[in-house]
Structure formats: structure tokens, C-alpha cells
Amino acid sequence: MTNYSKGTKPMEDKILSEKAKAFMDRYVERFISRKFLAWITASGLALYGVLSSSDWTSLTMVYIGSQAAVDLVKGIRG
């Protein structure tokens, strides 16, 4: 068993987790937009039978609309 100083190990895990998240966010956003990823996920769930077609439409439209609003605010703020 490793003897860590008080709070050392959780902080290292948090830093590594944040770095991994930042890396993934940068490359996922570059190659696949979040809107497209949401559509792919909803489509997969609909094809698998977890979502009905109306649920698929609602989920996709709500996400695309909310993401468009976020993009608009980002554009206004510069």
C-alpha cells in the first residue's frame, strides 16, 4: 500500500482527469460536433428500440436548439 500525503493522490487524479477531459474535448469538437454526436446517439437509441420516433425528434430538436442558442451567445460576446 502506498503512503500518500494527505490529499496528494486525489489531487493527482483530478489533474489527470482534467487533462484527459481537455484533450478529448479539443479533439472531439474538432472532428465531431456535439450536435452531430447527439444526433448519432439519439439515432442509435432509436434504432435499438430504446427511443420512439417522437422521442428521437424531441431530443434532437431540443439539443440542437439549445446548442444553437449557446453558439449565438458566444458569437455575440465575441
N, C-alpha and C. Protein backbone atom coordinates (compact mmCIF):
# COMPACT_ATOMS: atom_id res chain seq x y z
N MET A 1 0.84 -1.18 0.00
CA MET A 1 0.00 0.00 0.00
C MET A 1 0.88 1.24 0.00
N THR A 2 0.58 2.18 -0.86
CA THR A 2 1.37 3.40 -0.97
C THR A 2 0.93 4.40 0.08
N ASN A 3 1.89 5.08 0.66
CA ASN A 3 1.59 6.06 1.69
C ASN A 3 1.62 7.45 1.06
N TYR A 4 0.44 7.99 0.74
CA TYR A 4 0.35 9.32 0.15
C TYR A 4 0.17 10.37 1.23
N SER A 5 0.72 11.54 0.97
CA SER A 5 0.47 12.66 1.88
C SER A 5 -1.01 12.99 1.82
N LYS A 6 -1.47 13.65 2.83
CA LYS A 6 -2.89 13.98 2.90
C LYS A 6 -3.30 14.78 1.66
N GLY A 7 -4.23 14.22 0.86
CA GLY A 7 -4.77 14.91 -0.29
C GLY A 7 -3.95 14.84 -1.55
N THR A 8 -2.81 14.18 -1.55
CA THR A 8 -1.95 14.17 -2.72
C THR A 8 -2.55 13.34 -3.86
N LYS A 9 -2.93 12.11 -3.60
CA LYS A 9 -3.43 11.22 -4.64
C LYS A 9 -4.71 11.74 -5.30
N PRO A 10 -5.72 12.16 -4.54
CA PRO A 10 -6.92 12.68 -5.20
C PRO A 10 -6.63 13.89 -6.09
N MET A 11 -5.70 14.74 -5.68
CA MET A 11 -5.37 15.91 -6.49
C MET A 11 -4.70 15.49 -7.79
N GLU A 12 -3.81 14.50 -7.73
CA GLU A 12 -3.17 14.00 -8.94
C GLU A 12 -4.20 13.39 -9.87
N ASP A 13 -5.14 12.62 -9.33
CA ASP A 13 -6.20 12.02 -10.14
C ASP A 13 -7.06 13.10 -10.79
N LYS A 14 -7.36 14.15 -10.04
CA LYS A 14 -8.18 15.23 -10.57
C LYS A 14 -7.46 15.94 -11.71
N ILE A 15 -6.18 16.21 -11.54
CA ILE A 15 -5.40 16.88 -12.58
C ILE A 15 -5.34 16.03 -13.83
N LEU A 16 -5.07 14.72 -13.66
CA LEU A 16 -5.03 13.83 -14.82
C LEU A 16 -6.38 13.76 -15.50
N SER A 17 -7.45 13.71 -14.71
CA SER A 17 -8.79 13.66 -15.27
C SER A 17 -9.10 14.93 -16.06
N GLU A 18 -8.73 16.08 -15.52
CA GLU A 18 -8.97 17.34 -16.22
C GLU A 18 -8.16 17.42 -17.51
N LYS A 19 -6.92 16.93 -17.48
CA LYS A 19 -6.09 16.93 -18.69
C LYS A 19 -6.67 16.01 -19.74
N ALA A 20 -7.13 14.83 -19.32
CA ALA A 20 -7.73 13.90 -20.27
C ALA A 20 -9.01 14.48 -20.85
N LYS A 21 -9.82 15.12 -20.02
CA LYS A 21 -11.06 15.73 -20.50
C LYS A 21 -10.75 16.85 -21.49
N ALA A 22 -9.77 17.68 -21.17
CA ALA A 22 -9.40 18.78 -22.07
C ALA A 22 -8.91 18.24 -23.40
N PHE A 23 -8.12 17.18 -23.36
CA PHE A 23 -7.62 16.57 -24.60
C PHE A 23 -8.78 16.04 -25.44
N MET A 24 -9.69 15.31 -24.79
CA MET A 24 -10.83 14.74 -25.52
C MET A 24 -11.74 15.83 -26.06
N ASP A 25 -12.02 16.85 -25.26
CA ASP A 25 -12.88 17.94 -25.71
C ASP A 25 -12.31 18.62 -26.94
N ARG A 26 -11.02 18.86 -26.92
CA ARG A 26 -10.39 19.54 -28.05
C ARG A 26 -10.52 18.73 -29.33
N TYR A 27 -10.27 17.44 -29.26
CA TYR A 27 -10.30 16.64 -30.48
C TYR A 27 -11.70 16.19 -30.87
N VAL A 28 -12.57 15.97 -29.91
CA VAL A 28 -13.95 15.61 -30.26
C VAL A 28 -14.63 16.80 -30.93
N GLU A 29 -14.43 17.99 -30.40
CA GLU A 29 -15.02 19.18 -31.01
C GLU A 29 -14.46 19.44 -32.39
N ARG A 30 -13.21 19.11 -32.58
CA ARG A 30 -12.60 19.34 -33.88
C ARG A 30 -13.17 18.39 -34.94
N PHE A 31 -13.35 17.13 -34.61
CA PHE A 31 -13.76 16.14 -35.61
C PHE A 31 -15.26 15.88 -35.65
N ILE A 32 -15.92 15.97 -34.53
CA ILE A 32 -17.36 15.69 -34.49
C ILE A 32 -18.01 16.75 -33.63
N SER A 33 -18.93 17.49 -34.22
CA SER A 33 -19.61 18.50 -33.43
C SER A 33 -20.52 17.83 -32.40
N ARG A 34 -20.78 18.52 -31.34
CA ARG A 34 -21.65 17.96 -30.31
C ARG A 34 -23.06 17.73 -30.83
N LYS A 35 -23.51 18.60 -31.71
CA LYS A 35 -24.85 18.43 -32.29
C LYS A 35 -24.92 17.12 -33.07
N PHE A 36 -23.90 16.86 -33.85
CA PHE A 36 -23.88 15.62 -34.64
C PHE A 36 -23.76 14.41 -33.72
N LEU A 37 -22.96 14.52 -32.69
CA LEU A 37 -22.81 13.43 -31.74
C LEU A 37 -24.14 13.13 -31.04
N ALA A 38 -24.89 14.18 -30.68
CA ALA A 38 -26.21 13.99 -30.06
C ALA A 38 -27.15 13.30 -31.04
N TRP A 39 -27.10 13.69 -32.29
CA TRP A 39 -27.97 13.09 -33.30
C TRP A 39 -27.61 11.61 -33.51
N ILE A 40 -26.34 11.31 -33.56
CA ILE A 40 -25.89 9.92 -33.73
C ILE A 40 -26.34 9.07 -32.53
N THR A 41 -26.18 9.59 -31.32
CA THR A 41 -26.59 8.86 -30.12
C THR A 41 -28.09 8.62 -30.12
N ALA A 42 -28.86 9.66 -30.40
CA ALA A 42 -30.32 9.51 -30.44
C ALA A 42 -30.74 8.53 -31.53
N SER A 43 -30.07 8.59 -32.66
CA SER A 43 -30.40 7.67 -33.76
C SER A 43 -30.09 6.23 -33.38
N GLY A 44 -28.96 6.02 -32.73
CA GLY A 44 -28.61 4.67 -32.28
C GLY A 44 -29.61 4.13 -31.28
N LEU A 45 -30.03 4.97 -30.35
CA LEU A 45 -31.03 4.54 -29.37
C LEU A 45 -32.38 4.27 -30.02
N ALA A 46 -32.73 5.07 -31.02
CA ALA A 46 -33.99 4.85 -31.74
C ALA A 46 -33.93 3.54 -32.54
N LEU A 47 -32.81 3.30 -33.19
CA LEU A 47 -32.66 2.06 -33.96
C LEU A 47 -32.66 0.83 -33.05
N TYR A 48 -32.11 0.98 -31.87
CA TYR A 48 -32.07 -0.12 -30.91
C TYR A 48 -33.42 -0.35 -30.25
N GLY A 49 -34.31 0.62 -30.37
CA GLY A 49 -35.65 0.49 -29.82
C GLY A 49 -35.84 1.11 -28.45
N VAL A 50 -34.85 1.85 -27.98
CA VAL A 50 -34.95 2.48 -26.67
C VAL A 50 -35.77 3.77 -26.77
N LEU A 51 -35.67 4.49 -27.89
CA LEU A 51 -36.42 5.73 -28.10
C LEU A 51 -37.46 5.54 -29.18
N SER A 52 -38.61 6.16 -28.99
CA SER A 52 -39.62 6.17 -30.06
C SER A 52 -39.23 7.28 -31.03
N SER A 53 -39.88 7.31 -32.18
CA SER A 53 -39.54 8.32 -33.17
C SER A 53 -39.86 9.73 -32.67
N SER A 54 -40.95 9.88 -31.91
CA SER A 54 -41.27 11.21 -31.38
C SER A 54 -40.26 11.63 -30.32
N ASP A 55 -39.79 10.68 -29.50
CA ASP A 55 -38.75 10.99 -28.52
C ASP A 55 -37.45 11.38 -29.22
N TRP A 56 -37.14 10.67 -30.31
CA TRP A 56 -35.94 10.98 -31.08
C TRP A 56 -36.00 12.40 -31.62
N THR A 57 -37.15 12.75 -32.19
CA THR A 57 -37.32 14.09 -32.74
C THR A 57 -37.21 15.15 -31.65
N SER A 58 -37.87 14.92 -30.54
CA SER A 58 -37.84 15.89 -29.44
C SER A 58 -36.43 16.06 -28.89
N LEU A 59 -35.76 14.97 -28.62
CA LEU A 59 -34.41 15.02 -28.07
C LEU A 59 -33.46 15.74 -29.01
N THR A 60 -33.53 15.40 -30.26
CA THR A 60 -32.63 16.01 -31.24
C THR A 60 -32.91 17.50 -31.40
N MET A 61 -34.18 17.87 -31.51
CA MET A 61 -34.51 19.28 -31.71
C MET A 61 -34.18 20.13 -30.48
N VAL A 62 -34.42 19.61 -29.30
CA VAL A 62 -34.10 20.36 -28.08
C VAL A 62 -32.60 20.58 -27.99
N TYR A 63 -31.82 19.56 -28.25
CA TYR A 63 -30.37 19.71 -28.14
C TYR A 63 -29.84 20.66 -29.20
N ILE A 64 -30.30 20.50 -30.42
CA ILE A 64 -29.82 21.38 -31.49
C ILE A 64 -30.21 22.83 -31.20
N GLY A 65 -31.44 23.04 -30.73
CA GLY A 65 -31.88 24.39 -30.40
C GLY A 65 -31.08 25.00 -29.27
N SER A 66 -30.81 24.21 -28.23
CA SER A 66 -30.05 24.74 -27.10
C SER A 66 -28.61 25.01 -27.49
N GLN A 67 -28.04 24.16 -28.31
CA GLN A 67 -26.66 24.38 -28.75
C GLN A 67 -26.58 25.60 -29.66
N ALA A 68 -27.61 25.81 -30.49
CA ALA A 68 -27.63 27.00 -31.34
C ALA A 68 -27.70 28.26 -30.49
N ALA A 69 -28.47 28.22 -29.40
CA ALA A 69 -28.56 29.38 -28.51
C ALA A 69 -27.21 29.66 -27.86
N VAL A 70 -26.52 28.62 -27.43
CA VAL A 70 -25.19 28.78 -26.84
C VAL A 70 -24.23 29.38 -27.86
N ASP A 71 -24.27 28.87 -29.09
CA ASP A 71 -23.39 29.39 -30.15
C ASP A 71 -23.70 30.86 -30.44
N LEU A 72 -24.98 31.24 -30.40
CA LEU A 72 -25.37 32.62 -30.65
C LEU A 72 -24.81 33.54 -29.57
N VAL A 73 -24.94 33.14 -28.31
CA VAL A 73 -24.41 33.94 -27.21
C VAL A 73 -22.90 34.06 -27.31
N LYS A 74 -22.23 32.98 -27.66
CA LYS A 74 -20.77 33.03 -27.83
C LYS A 74 -20.40 34.01 -28.94
N GLY A 75 -21.17 33.99 -30.02
CA GLY A 75 -20.90 34.89 -31.14
C GLY A 75 -21.12 36.35 -30.77
N ILE A 76 -22.13 36.62 -29.96
CA ILE A 76 -22.41 37.98 -29.55
C ILE A 76 -21.33 38.50 -28.60
N ARG A 77 -20.92 37.65 -27.68
CA ARG A 77 -19.90 38.05 -26.70
C ARG A 77 -18.50 38.14 -27.31
N GLY A 78 -18.32 37.46 -28.43
CA GLY A 78 -17.02 37.54 -29.10
C GLY A 78 -16.12 36.54 -28.63
